[in-house]
PDB file of N, CA and C in Angstrom:
ATOM      1  N   MET A   1      83.904 136.631  95.865  1.00  0.00           N
ATOM      2  CA  MET A   1      85.283 136.242  95.646  1.00  0.00           C
ATOM      3  C   MET A   1      86.184 137.063  96.560  1.00  0.00           C
ATOM      4  N   ALA A   2      87.212 136.395  97.070  1.00  0.00           N
ATOM      5  CA  ALA A   2      88.133 137.069  97.979  1.00  0.00           C
ATOM      6  C   ALA A   2      89.033 138.026  97.206  1.00  0.00           C
ATOM      7  N   PRO A   3      89.467 139.115  97.823  1.00  0.00           N
ATOM      8  CA  PRO A   3      90.382 140.032  97.162  1.00  0.00           C
ATOM      9  C   PRO A   3      91.679 139.314  96.778  1.00  0.00           C
ATOM     10  N   THR A   4      92.386 139.866  95.797  1.00  0.00           N
ATOM     11  CA  THR A   4      93.648 139.277  95.352  1.00  0.00           C
ATOM     12  C   THR A   4      94.571 139.084  96.543  1.00  0.00           C
ATOM     13  N   GLY A   5      95.138 137.857  96.640  1.00  0.00           N
ATOM     14  CA  GLY A   5      96.066 137.567  97.712  1.00  0.00           C
ATOM     15  C   GLY A   5      95.407 137.061  98.974  1.00  0.00           C
ATOM     16  N   THR A   6      94.083 137.155  99.081  1.00  0.00           N
ATOM     17  CA  THR A   6      93.372 136.648 100.242  1.00  0.00           C
ATOM     18  C   THR A   6      92.644 135.376  99.848  1.00  0.00           C
ATOM     19  N   PRO A   7      92.945 134.251 100.514  1.00  0.00           N
ATOM     20  CA  PRO A   7      92.323 132.999 100.101  1.00  0.00           C
ATOM     21  C   PRO A   7      90.835 132.953 100.438  1.00  0.00           C
ATOM     22  N   SER A   8      90.059 132.283  99.557  1.00  0.00           N
ATOM     23  CA  SER A   8      88.659 132.027  99.872  1.00  0.00           C
ATOM     24  C   SER A   8      88.618 130.897 100.884  1.00  0.00           C
ATOM     25  N   LYS A   9      87.429 130.566 101.384  1.00  0.00           N
ATOM     26  CA  LYS A   9      87.310 129.524 102.403  1.00  0.00           C
ATOM     27  C   LYS A   9      87.801 128.168 101.913  1.00  0.00           C
ATOM     28  N   SER A  10      87.698 127.880 100.605  1.00  0.00           N
ATOM     29  CA  SER A  10      88.141 126.584 100.099  1.00  0.00           C
ATOM     30  C   SER A  10      89.627 126.575  99.759  1.00  0.00           C
ATOM     31  N   GLU A  11      90.241 127.744  99.671  1.00  0.00           N
ATOM     32  CA  GLU A  11      91.659 127.818  99.335  1.00  0.00           C
ATOM     33  C   GLU A  11      92.520 127.536 100.561  1.00  0.00           C
ATOM     34  N   LEU A  12      93.800 127.298 100.301  1.00  0.00           N
ATOM     35  CA  LEU A  12      94.743 127.073 101.388  1.00  0.00           C
ATOM     36  C   LEU A  12      94.892 128.332 102.229  1.00  0.00           C
ATOM     37  N   PRO A  13      95.007 128.167 103.529  1.00  0.00           N
ATOM     38  CA  PRO A  13      95.244 129.344 104.374  1.00  0.00           C
ATOM     39  C   PRO A  13      96.676 129.842 104.197  1.00  0.00           C
ATOM     40  N   ASN A  14      96.861 131.138 104.294  1.00  0.00           N
ATOM     41  CA  ASN A  14      98.205 131.724 104.201  1.00  0.00           C
ATOM     42  C   ASN A  14      99.022 131.335 105.423  1.00  0.00           C
ATOM     43  N   GLY A  15     100.285 131.011 105.208  1.00  0.00           N
ATOM     44  CA  GLY A  15     101.210 130.788 106.308  1.00  0.00           C
ATOM     45  C   GLY A  15     100.936 129.566 107.161  1.00  0.00           C
ATOM     46  N   GLU A  16     100.279 128.537 106.618  1.00  0.00           N
ATOM     47  CA  GLU A  16     100.044 127.302 107.356  1.00  0.00           C
ATOM     48  C   GLU A  16     100.586 126.126 106.576  1.00  0.00           C
ATOM     49  N   VAL A  17     101.199 125.178 107.276  1.00  0.00           N
ATOM     50  CA  VAL A  17     101.673 123.948 106.652  1.00  0.00           C
ATOM     51  C   VAL A  17     100.507 122.968 106.621  1.00  0.00           C
ATOM     52  N   VAL A  18     100.269 122.362 105.450  1.00  0.00           N
ATOM     53  CA  VAL A  18      99.176 121.395 105.311  1.00  0.00           C
ATOM     54  C   VAL A  18      99.695 120.126 104.637  1.00  0.00           C
ATOM     55  N   ALA A  19      99.087 119.004 104.971  1.00  0.00           N
ATOM     56  CA  ALA A  19      99.388 117.731 104.314  1.00  0.00           C
ATOM     57  C   ALA A  19      98.409 117.600 103.149  1.00  0.00           C
ATOM     58  N   LEU A  20      98.891 117.781 101.931  1.00  0.00           N
ATOM     59  CA  LEU A  20      98.015 117.835 100.756  1.00  0.00           C
ATOM     60  C   LEU A  20      97.127 116.611 100.612  1.00  0.00           C
ATOM     61  N   THR A  21      97.670 115.426 100.859  1.00  0.00           N
ATOM     62  CA  THR A  21      96.882 114.209 100.631  1.00  0.00           C
ATOM     63  C   THR A  21      95.721 114.066 101.607  1.00  0.00           C
ATOM     64  N   THR A  22      95.723 114.831 102.698  1.00  0.00           N
ATOM     65  CA  THR A  22      94.620 114.741 103.666  1.00  0.00           C
ATOM     66  C   THR A  22      93.517 115.772 103.408  1.00  0.00           C
ATOM     67  N   LEU A  23      93.735 116.683 102.472  1.00  0.00           N
ATOM     68  CA  LEU A  23      92.767 117.751 102.219  1.00  0.00           C
ATOM     69  C   LEU A  23      91.552 117.289 101.426  1.00  0.00           C
ATOM     70  N   LEU A  24      91.653 116.123 100.794  1.00  0.00           N
ATOM     71  CA  LEU A  24      90.597 115.652  99.913  1.00  0.00           C
ATOM     72  C   LEU A  24      90.552 114.136  99.981  1.00  0.00           C
ATOM     73  N   GLY A  25      89.351 113.583 100.214  1.00  0.00           N
ATOM     74  CA  GLY A  25      89.201 112.133 100.287  1.00  0.00           C
ATOM     75  C   GLY A  25      88.735 111.551  98.964  1.00  0.00           C
ATOM     76  N   TYR A  26      88.879 110.246  98.840  1.00  0.00           N
ATOM     77  CA  TYR A  26      88.367 109.535  97.678  1.00  0.00           C
ATOM     78  C   TYR A  26      86.867 109.310  97.825  1.00  0.00           C
ATOM     79  N   GLN A  27      86.155 109.301  96.692  1.00  0.00           N
ATOM     80  CA  GLN A  27      84.740 108.938  96.671  1.00  0.00           C
ATOM     81  C   GLN A  27      84.560 107.846  95.636  1.00  0.00           C
ATOM     82  N   GLU A  28      83.858 106.792  96.010  1.00  0.00           N
ATOM     83  CA  GLU A  28      83.672 105.650  95.131  1.00  0.00           C
ATOM     84  C   GLU A  28      83.045 106.060  93.801  1.00  0.00           C
ATOM     85  N   GLY A  29      83.691 105.648  92.706  1.00  0.00           N
ATOM     86  CA  GLY A  29      83.177 105.908  91.369  1.00  0.00           C
ATOM     87  C   GLY A  29      83.187 107.363  90.945  1.00  0.00           C
ATOM     88  N   ALA A  30      84.046 108.190  91.563  1.00  0.00           N
ATOM     89  CA  ALA A  30      83.981 109.627  91.289  1.00  0.00           C
ATOM     90  C   ALA A  30      85.360 110.267  91.236  1.00  0.00           C
ATOM     91  N   ILE A  31      85.363 111.487  90.724  1.00  0.00           N
ATOM     92  CA  ILE A  31      86.522 112.378  90.763  1.00  0.00           C
ATOM     93  C   ILE A  31      86.116 113.562  91.630  1.00  0.00           C
ATOM     94  N   VAL A  32      86.944 113.887  92.603  1.00  0.00           N
ATOM     95  CA  VAL A  32      86.667 114.990  93.514  1.00  0.00           C
ATOM     96  C   VAL A  32      87.784 116.018  93.351  1.00  0.00           C
ATOM     97  N   SER A  33      87.444 117.304  93.410  1.00  0.00           N
ATOM     98  CA  SER A  33      88.482 118.330  93.285  1.00  0.00           C
ATOM     99  C   SER A  33      88.263 119.459  94.280  1.00  0.00           C
ATOM    100  N   ARG A  34      89.348 120.151  94.564  1.00  0.00           N
ATOM    101  CA  ARG A  34      89.312 121.327  95.439  1.00  0.00           C
ATOM    102  C   ARG A  34      90.363 122.313  94.945  1.00  0.00           C
ATOM    103  N   THR A  35      89.942 123.523  94.645  1.00  0.00           N
ATOM    104  CA  THR A  35      90.871 124.568  94.229  1.00  0.00           C
ATOM    105  C   THR A  35      91.581 125.094  95.465  1.00  0.00           C
ATOM    106  N   LEU A  36      92.897 125.012  95.448  1.00  0.00           N
ATOM    107  CA  LEU A  36      93.690 125.451  96.594  1.00  0.00           C
ATOM    108  C   LEU A  36      94.196 126.874  96.449  1.00  0.00           C
ATOM    109  N   VAL A  37      94.467 127.285  95.212  1.00  0.00           N
ATOM    110  CA  VAL A  37      94.921 128.648  94.929  1.00  0.00           C
ATOM    111  C   VAL A  37      94.299 129.060  93.599  1.00  0.00           C
ATOM    112  N   LYS A  38      93.703 130.250  93.574  1.00  0.00           N
ATOM    113  CA  LYS A  38      93.114 130.767  92.336  1.00  0.00           C
ATOM    114  C   LYS A  38      93.526 132.222  92.179  1.00  0.00           C
ATOM    115  N   ARG A  39      94.343 132.454  91.154  1.00  0.00           N
ATOM    116  CA  ARG A  39      94.838 133.795  90.872  1.00  0.00           C
ATOM    117  C   ARG A  39      94.703 134.053  89.374  1.00  0.00           C
ATOM    118  N   ALA A  40      94.843 135.288  88.955  1.00  0.00           N
ATOM    119  CA  ALA A  40      94.774 135.637  87.537  1.00  0.00           C
ATOM    120  C   ALA A  40      95.878 134.942  86.749  1.00  0.00           C
ATOM    121  N   THR A  41      97.005 134.667  87.406  1.00  0.00           N
ATOM    122  CA  THR A  41      98.151 134.051  86.726  1.00  0.00           C
ATOM    123  C   THR A  41      98.111 132.531  86.711  1.00  0.00           C
ATOM    124  N   GLY A  42      97.162 131.929  87.422  1.00  0.00           N
ATOM    125  CA  GLY A  42      97.054 130.477  87.415  1.00  0.00           C
ATOM    126  C   GLY A  42      96.289 129.937  88.599  1.00  0.00           C
ATOM    127  N   THR A  43      96.096 128.623  88.562  1.00  0.00           N
ATOM    128  CA  THR A  43      95.378 127.945  89.636  1.00  0.00           C
ATOM    129  C   THR A  43      96.141 126.700  90.063  1.00  0.00           C
ATOM    130  N   VAL A  44      95.891 126.295  91.301  1.00  0.00           N
ATOM    131  CA  VAL A  44      96.408 125.034  91.825  1.00  0.00           C
ATOM    132  C   VAL A  44      95.200 124.275  92.360  1.00  0.00           C
ATOM    133  N   THR A  45      94.973 123.088  91.797  1.00  0.00           N
ATOM    134  CA  THR A  45      93.795 122.302  92.153  1.00  0.00           C
ATOM    135  C   THR A  45      94.217 120.899  92.559  1.00  0.00           C
ATOM    136  N   LEU A  46      93.650 120.424  93.649  1.00  0.00           N
ATOM    137  CA  LEU A  46      93.892 119.076  94.140  1.00  0.00           C
ATOM    138  C   LEU A  46      92.759 118.183  93.642  1.00  0.00           C
ATOM    139  N   PHE A  47      93.100 117.011  93.099  1.00  0.00           N
ATOM    140  CA  PHE A  47      92.115 116.049  92.604  1.00  0.00           C
ATOM    141  C   PHE A  47      92.308 114.711  93.292  1.00  0.00           C
ATOM    142  N   ALA A  48      91.210 113.993  93.513  1.00  0.00           N
ATOM    143  CA  ALA A  48      91.233 112.607  93.977  1.00  0.00           C
ATOM    144  C   ALA A  48      90.369 111.804  93.006  1.00  0.00           C
ATOM    145  N   PHE A  49      90.977 110.826  92.331  1.00  0.00           N
ATOM    146  CA  PHE A  49      90.296 109.989  91.351  1.00  0.00           C
ATOM    147  C   PHE A  49      90.111 108.589  91.916  1.00  0.00           C
ATOM    148  N   ASP A  50      88.911 108.047  91.837  1.00  0.00           N
ATOM    149  CA  ASP A  50      88.731 106.647  92.171  1.00  0.00           C
ATOM    150  C   ASP A  50      89.283 105.818  91.015  1.00  0.00           C
ATOM    151  N   GLU A  51      89.590 104.565  91.270  1.00  0.00           N
ATOM    152  CA  GLU A  51      90.144 103.668  90.251  1.00  0.00           C
ATOM    153  C   GLU A  51      89.273 103.653  89.001  1.00  0.00           C
ATOM    154  N   GLU A  52      89.934 103.703  87.840  1.00  0.00           N
ATOM    155  CA  GLU A  52      89.313 103.678  86.513  1.00  0.00           C
ATOM    156  C   GLU A  52      88.552 104.960  86.147  1.00  0.00           C
ATOM    157  N   GLN A  53      88.550 105.963  86.993  1.00  0.00           N
ATOM    158  CA  GLN A  53      87.939 107.245  86.639  1.00  0.00           C
ATOM    159  C   GLN A  53      88.946 108.048  85.819  1.00  0.00           C
ATOM    160  N   GLY A  54      88.469 109.015  85.047  1.00  0.00           N
ATOM    161  CA  GLY A  54      89.401 109.795  84.263  1.00  0.00           C
ATOM    162  C   GLY A  54      88.790 111.032  83.657  1.00  0.00           C
ATOM    163  N   LEU A  55      89.646 111.805  83.026  1.00  0.00           N
ATOM    164  CA  LEU A  55      89.254 112.995  82.272  1.00  0.00           C
ATOM    165  C   LEU A  55      89.472 112.669  80.806  1.00  0.00           C
ATOM    166  N   SER A  56      88.440 112.807  80.000  1.00  0.00           N
ATOM    167  CA  SER A  56      88.550 112.482  78.577  1.00  0.00           C
ATOM    168  C   SER A  56      89.485 113.459  77.874  1.00  0.00           C
ATOM    169  N   GLU A  57      89.897 113.082  76.684  1.00  0.00           N
ATOM    170  CA  GLU A  57      90.847 113.891  75.931  1.00  0.00           C
ATOM    171  C   GLU A  57      90.307 115.301  75.703  1.00  0.00           C
ATOM    172  N   HIS A  58      91.160 116.284  75.950  1.00  0.00           N
ATOM    173  CA  HIS A  58      90.803 117.687  75.764  1.00  0.00           C
ATOM    174  C   HIS A  58      92.091 118.489  75.582  1.00  0.00           C
ATOM    175  N   THR A  59      91.948 119.763  75.294  1.00  0.00           N
ATOM    176  CA  THR A  59      93.095 120.665  75.202  1.00  0.00           C
ATOM    177  C   THR A  59      92.877 121.839  76.138  1.00  0.00           C
ATOM    178  N   ALA A  60      93.960 122.534  76.456  1.00  0.00           N
ATOM    179  CA  ALA A  60      93.902 123.740  77.273  1.00  0.00           C
ATOM    180  C   ALA A  60      94.806 124.784  76.628  1.00  0.00           C
ATOM    181  N   GLU A  61      94.491 126.027  76.834  1.00  0.00           N
ATOM    182  CA  GLU A  61      95.258 127.121  76.237  1.00  0.00           C
ATOM    183  C   GLU A  61      96.588 127.382  76.931  1.00  0.00           C
ATOM    184  N   PHE A  62      96.795 126.765  78.093  1.00  0.00           N
ATOM    185  CA  PHE A  62      97.990 127.041  78.886  1.00  0.00           C
ATOM    186  C   PHE A  62      98.669 125.746  79.291  1.00  0.00           C
ATOM    187  N   ASP A  63      99.968 125.821  79.604  1.00  0.00           N
ATOM    188  CA  ASP A  63     100.678 124.678  80.159  1.00  0.00           C
ATOM    189  C   ASP A  63     100.090 124.331  81.524  1.00  0.00           C
ATOM    190  N   ALA A  64     100.174 123.052  81.872  1.00  0.00           N
ATOM    191  CA  ALA A  64      99.723 122.606  83.184  1.00  0.00           C
ATOM    192  C   ALA A  64     100.681 121.541  83.693  1.00  0.00           C
ATOM    193  N   LEU A  65     100.976 121.587  84.970  1.00  0.00           N
ATOM    194  CA  LEU A  65     101.865 120.616  85.602  1.00  0.00           C
ATOM    195  C   LEU A  65     101.020 119.675  86.446  1.00  0.00           C
ATOM    196  N   VAL A  66     101.141 118.366  86.174  1.00  0.00           N
ATOM    197  CA  VAL A  66     100.470 117.326  86.958  1.00  0.00           C
ATOM    198  C   VAL A  66     101.506 116.718  87.891  1.00  0.00           C
ATOM    199  N   GLN A  67     101.248 116.756  89.201  1.00  0.00           N
ATOM    200  CA  GLN A  67     102.108 116.132  90.198  1.00  0.00           C
ATOM    201  C   GLN A  67     101.279 115.064  90.903  1.00  0.00           C
ATOM    202  N   VAL A  68     101.681 113.800  90.783  1.00  0.00           N
ATOM    203  CA  VAL A  68     100.945 112.714  91.419  1.00  0.00           C
ATOM    204  C   VAL A  68     101.428 112.591  92.861  1.00  0.00           C
ATOM    205  N   LEU A  69     100.480 112.664  93.802  1.00  0.00           N
ATOM    206  CA  LEU A  69     100.796 112.639  95.230  1.00  0.00           C
ATOM    207  C   LEU A  69     100.586 111.267  95.840  1.00  0.00           C
ATOM    208  N   ASP A  70      99.677 110.479  95.245  1.00  0.00           N
ATOM    209  CA  ASP A  70      99.312 109.177  95.788  1.00  0.00           C
ATOM    210  C   ASP A  70      98.803 108.321  94.641  1.00  0.00           C
ATOM    211  N   GLY A  71      99.171 107.049  94.596  1.00  0.00           N
ATOM    212  CA  GLY A  71      98.650 106.142  93.586  1.00  0.00           C
ATOM    213  C   GLY A  71      99.358 106.245  92.253  1.00  0.00           C
ATOM    214  N   GLN A  72      98.614 105.862  91.199  1.00  0.00           N
ATOM    215  CA  GLN A  72      99.204 105.777  89.860  1.00  0.00           C
ATOM    216  C   GLN A  72      98.149 106.119  88.814  1.00  0.00           C
ATOM    217  N   CYS A  73      98.580 106.856  87.782  1.00  0.00           N
ATOM    218  CA  CYS A  73      97.670 107.213  86.700  1.00  0.00           C
ATOM    219  C   CYS A  73      98.366 107.091  85.363  1.00  0.00           C
ATOM    220  N   GLU A  74      97.554 107.121  84.328  1.00  0.00           N
ATOM    221  CA  GLU A  74      98.080 107.173  82.968  1.00  0.00           C
ATOM    222  C   GLU A  74      97.686 108.524  82.396  1.00  0.00           C
ATOM    223  N   VAL A  75      98.689 109.257  81.939  1.00  0.00           N
ATOM    224  CA  VAL A  75      98.469 110.546  81.289  1.00  0.00           C
ATOM    225  C   VAL A  75      98.832 110.357  79.823  1.00  0.00           C
ATOM    226  N   THR A  76      97.905 110.700  78.932  1.00  0.00           N
ATOM    227  CA  THR A  76      98.164 110.599  77.503  1.00  0.00           C
ATOM    228  C   THR A  76      98.295 112.008  76.943  1.00  0.00           C
ATOM    229  N   ILE A  77      99.404 112.256  76.256  1.00  0.00           N
ATOM    230  CA  ILE A  77      99.657 113.559  75.641  1.00  0.00           C
ATOM    231  C   ILE A  77      99.896 113.327  74.156  1.00  0.00           C
ATOM    232  N   ALA A  78      99.069 113.950  73.313  1.00  0.00           N
ATOM    233  CA  ALA A  78      99.188 113.816  71.858  1.00  0.00           C
ATOM    234  C   ALA A  78      99.284 112.349  71.450  1.00  0.00           C
ATOM    235  N   GLY A  79      98.452 111.508  72.071  1.00  0.00           N
ATOM    236  CA  GLY A  79      98.387 110.091  71.731  1.00  0.00           C
ATOM    237  C   GLY A  79      99.432 109.213  72.384  1.00  0.00           C
ATOM    238  N   MET A  80     100.386 109.782  73.126  1.00  0.00           N
ATOM    239  CA  MET A  80     101.438 108.996  73.771  1.00  0.00           C
ATOM    240  C   MET A  80     101.134 108.824  75.260  1.00  0.00           C
ATOM    241  N   PRO A  81     100.957 107.568  75.738  1.00  0.00           N
ATOM    242  CA  PRO A  81     100.649 107.341  77.147  1.00  0.00           C
ATOM    243  C   PRO A  81     101.896 107.349  78.035  1.00  0.00           C
ATOM    244  N   PHE A  82     101.740 107.896  79.234  1.00  0.00           N
ATOM    245  CA  PHE A  82     102.796 107.921  80.241  1.00  0.00           C
ATOM    246  C   PHE A  82     102.217 107.394  81.545  1.00  0.00           C
ATOM    247  N   LEU A  83     102.892 106.448  82.178  1.00  0.00           N
ATOM    248  CA  LEU A  83     102.494 105.958  83.490  1.00  0.00           C
ATOM    249  C   LEU A  83     103.161 106.853  84.523  1.00  0.00           C
ATOM    250  N   VAL A  84     102.371 107.479  85.392  1.00  0.00           N
ATOM    251  CA  VAL A  84     102.898 108.436  86.356  1.00  0.00           C
ATOM    252  C   VAL A  84     102.556 107.945  87.760  1.00  0.00           C
ATOM    253  N   ASN A  85     103.573 107.809  88.595  1.00  0.00           N
ATOM    254  CA  ASN A  85     103.434 107.288  89.954  1.00  0.00           C
ATOM    255  C   ASN A  85     103.554 108.394  90.992  1.00  0.00           C
ATOM    256  N   ALA A  86     103.162 108.068  92.229  1.00  0.00           N
ATOM    257  CA  ALA A  86     103.310 109.008  93.342  1.00  0.00           C
ATOM    258  C   ALA A  86     104.743 109.511  93.398  1.00  0.00           C
ATOM    259  N   GLY A  87     104.898 110.817  93.538  1.00  0.00           N
ATOM    260  CA  GLY A  87     106.215 111.433  93.586  1.00  0.00           C
ATOM    261  C   GLY A  87     106.745 111.860  92.231  1.00  0.00           C
ATOM    262  N   GLU A  88     105.978 111.592  91.163  1.00  0.00           N
ATOM    263  CA  GLU A  88     106.406 111.962  89.821  1.00  0.00           C
ATOM    264  C   GLU A  88     105.494 113.052  89.257  1.00  0.00           C
ATOM    265  N   ALA A  89     105.969 113.708  88.197  1.00  0.00           N
ATOM    266  CA  ALA A  89     105.211 114.804  87.586  1.00  0.00           C
ATOM    267  C   ALA A  89     105.370 114.751  86.079  1.00  0.00           C
ATOM    268  N   VAL A  90     104.433 115.381  85.374  1.00  0.00           N
ATOM    269  CA  VAL A  90     104.502 115.498  83.921  1.00  0.00           C
ATOM    270  C   VAL A  90     103.899 116.844  83.526  1.00  0.00           C
ATOM    271  N   LEU A  91     104.523 117.493  82.545  1.00  0.00           N
ATOM    272  CA  LEU A  91     104.031 118.778  82.055  1.00  0.00           C
ATOM    273  C   LEU A  91     103.100 118.544  80.868  1.00  0.00           C
ATOM    274  N   LEU A  92     101.908 119.109  80.918  1.00  0.00           N
ATOM    275  CA  LEU A  92     100.954 119.047  79.818  1.00  0.00           C
ATOM    276  C   LEU A  92     101.128 120.318  78.994  1.00  0.00           C
ATOM    277  N   PRO A  93     101.648 120.194  77.764  1.00  0.00           N
ATOM    278  CA  PRO A  93     101.887 121.388  76.954  1.00  0.00           C
ATOM    279  C   PRO A  93     100.583 122.045  76.493  1.00  0.00           C
ATOM    280  N   ALA A  94     100.599 123.337  76.421  1.00  0.00           N
ATOM    281  CA  ALA A  94      99.440 124.099  75.938  1.00  0.00           C
ATOM    282  C   ALA A  94      99.045 123.635  74.542  1.00  0.00           C
ATOM    283  N   ARG A  95      97.754 123.604  74.294  1.00  0.00           N
ATOM    284  CA  ARG A  95      97.162 123.316  72.985  1.00  0.00           C
ATOM    285  C   ARG A  95      97.491 121.931  72.435  1.00  0.00           C
ATOM    286  N   GLN A  96      97.903 120.988  73.289  1.00  0.00           N
ATOM    287  CA  GLN A  96      98.096 119.601  72.863  1.00  0.00           C
ATOM    288  C   GLN A  96      97.056 118.740  73.575  1.00  0.00           C
ATOM    289  N   ALA A  97      96.411 117.860  72.822  1.00  0.00           N
ATOM    290  CA  ALA A  97      95.387 116.999  73.403  1.00  0.00           C
ATOM    291  C   ALA A  97      96.003 116.124  74.496  1.00  0.00           C
ATOM    292  N   HIS A  98      95.277 116.011  75.606  1.00  0.00           N
ATOM    293  CA  HIS A  98      95.724 115.166  76.708  1.00  0.00           C
ATOM    294  C   HIS A  98      94.522 114.583  77.442  1.00  0.00           C
ATOM    295  N   ALA A  99      94.764 113.485  78.145  1.00  0.00           N
ATOM    296  CA  ALA A  99      93.732 112.804  78.932  1.00  0.00           C
ATOM    297  C   ALA A  99      94.397 112.210  80.163  1.00  0.00           C
ATOM    298  N   VAL A 100      93.584 111.932  81.197  1.00  0.00           N
ATOM    299  CA  VAL A 100      94.082 111.355  82.445  1.00  0.00           C
ATOM    300  C   VAL A 100      93.154 110.203  82.832  1.00  0.00           C
ATOM    301  N   ARG A 101      93.759 109.062  83.237  1.00  0.00           N
ATOM    302  CA  ARG A 101      92.979 107.911  83.679  1.00  0.00           C
ATOM    303  C   ARG A 101      93.631 107.305  84.910  1.00  0.00           C
ATOM    304  N   ALA A 102      92.830 106.995  85.913  1.00  0.00           N
ATOM    305  CA  ALA A 102      93.338 106.380  87.137  1.00  0.00           C
ATOM    306  C   ALA A 102      93.621 104.900  86.894  1.00  0.00           C
ATOM    307  N   VAL A 103      94.866 104.478  87.106  1.00  0.00           N
ATOM    308  CA  VAL A 103      95.220 103.060  87.071  1.00  0.00           C
ATOM    309  C   VAL A 103      94.841 102.454  88.418  1.00  0.00           C
ATOM    310  N   THR A 104      95.186 103.171  89.493  1.00  0.00           N
ATOM    311  CA  THR A 104      94.728 102.885  90.849  1.00  0.00           C
ATOM    312  C   THR A 104      94.089 104.176  91.340  1.00  0.00           C
ATOM    313  N   ARG A 105      93.472 104.142  92.504  1.00  0.00           N
ATOM    314  CA  ARG A 105      93.051 105.413  93.086  1.00  0.00           C
ATOM    315  C   ARG A 105      94.280 106.309  93.142  1.00  0.00           C
ATOM    316  N   PHE A 106      94.100 107.575  92.804  1.00  0.00           N
ATOM    317  CA  PHE A 106      95.260 108.470  92.879  1.00  0.00           C
ATOM    318  C   PHE A 106      94.822 109.889  93.163  1.00  0.00           C
ATOM    319  N   LYS A 107      95.781 110.643  93.701  1.00  0.00           N
ATOM    320  CA  LYS A 107      95.583 112.072  93.951  1.00  0.00           C
ATOM    321  C   LYS A 107      96.650 112.829  93.184  1.00  0.00           C
ATOM    322  N   MET A 108      96.227 113.958  92.611  1.00  0.00           N
ATOM    323  CA  MET A 108      97.185 114.783  91.873  1.00  0.00           C
ATOM    324  C   MET A 108      96.954 116.243  92.192  1.00  0.00           C
ATOM    325  N   LEU A 109      98.030 116.985  92.056  1.00  0.00           N
ATOM    326  CA  LEU A 109      97.996 118.428  92.170  1.00  0.00           C
ATOM    327  C   LEU A 109      98.185 118.954  90.745  1.00  0.00           C
ATOM    328  N   LEU A 110      97.234 119.749  90.270  1.00  0.00           N
ATOM    329  CA  LEU A 110      97.291 120.323  88.934  1.00  0.00           C
ATOM    330  C   LEU A 110      97.555 121.813  89.048  1.00  0.00           C
ATOM    331  N   THR A 111      98.675 122.252  88.485  1.00  0.00           N
ATOM    332  CA  THR A 111      99.032 123.665  88.495  1.00  0.00           C
ATOM    333  C   THR A 111      98.878 124.192  87.088  1.00  0.00           C
ATOM    334  N   MET A 112      97.886 125.065  86.883  1.00  0.00           N
ATOM    335  CA  MET A 112      97.639 125.678  85.583  1.00  0.00           C
ATOM    336  C   MET A 112      98.399 127.004  85.547  1.00  0.00           C
ATOM    337  N   ILE A 113      99.232 127.157  84.524  1.00  0.00           N
ATOM    338  CA  ILE A 113     100.088 128.335  84.404  1.00  0.00           C
ATOM    339  C   ILE A 113      99.520 129.235  83.313  1.00  0.00           C
ATOM    340  N   ARG A 114      98.971 130.373  83.669  1.00  0.00           N
ATOM    341  CA  ARG A 114      98.272 131.237  82.716  1.00  0.00           C
ATOM    342  C   ARG A 114      99.110 132.369  82.150  1.00  0.00           C
ATOM    343  N   SER A 115     100.401 132.305  82.299  1.00  0.00           N
ATOM    344  CA  SER A 115     101.231 133.387  81.750  1.00  0.00           C
ATOM    345  C   SER A 115     102.412 132.841  80.999  1.00  0.00           C
TER     346      SER A 115
END
């Protein structure tokens, strides 16, 4: 593991501008992810979901911010569904059941806040 503040090979390089949607491609019938930042205080992970793929209902101990970069998904929080499009975001509250399903192929940035 890289020292604190130094990115690992899979993380984003320091001081470089990157196009997030080009960092990860879609794979047929799959969900692909890449951790871009991993720190004790939280993580930032890029996901690419093929159509109809999803994450089943679960809970997390911390708040998480979902930012949709491409496509469209349905995010369900405590049984309430939300349609989220490219350019939109939704906060997943800590300790509340949530799920994610791709309506179309979509990419999202997930920021887990551990403090």
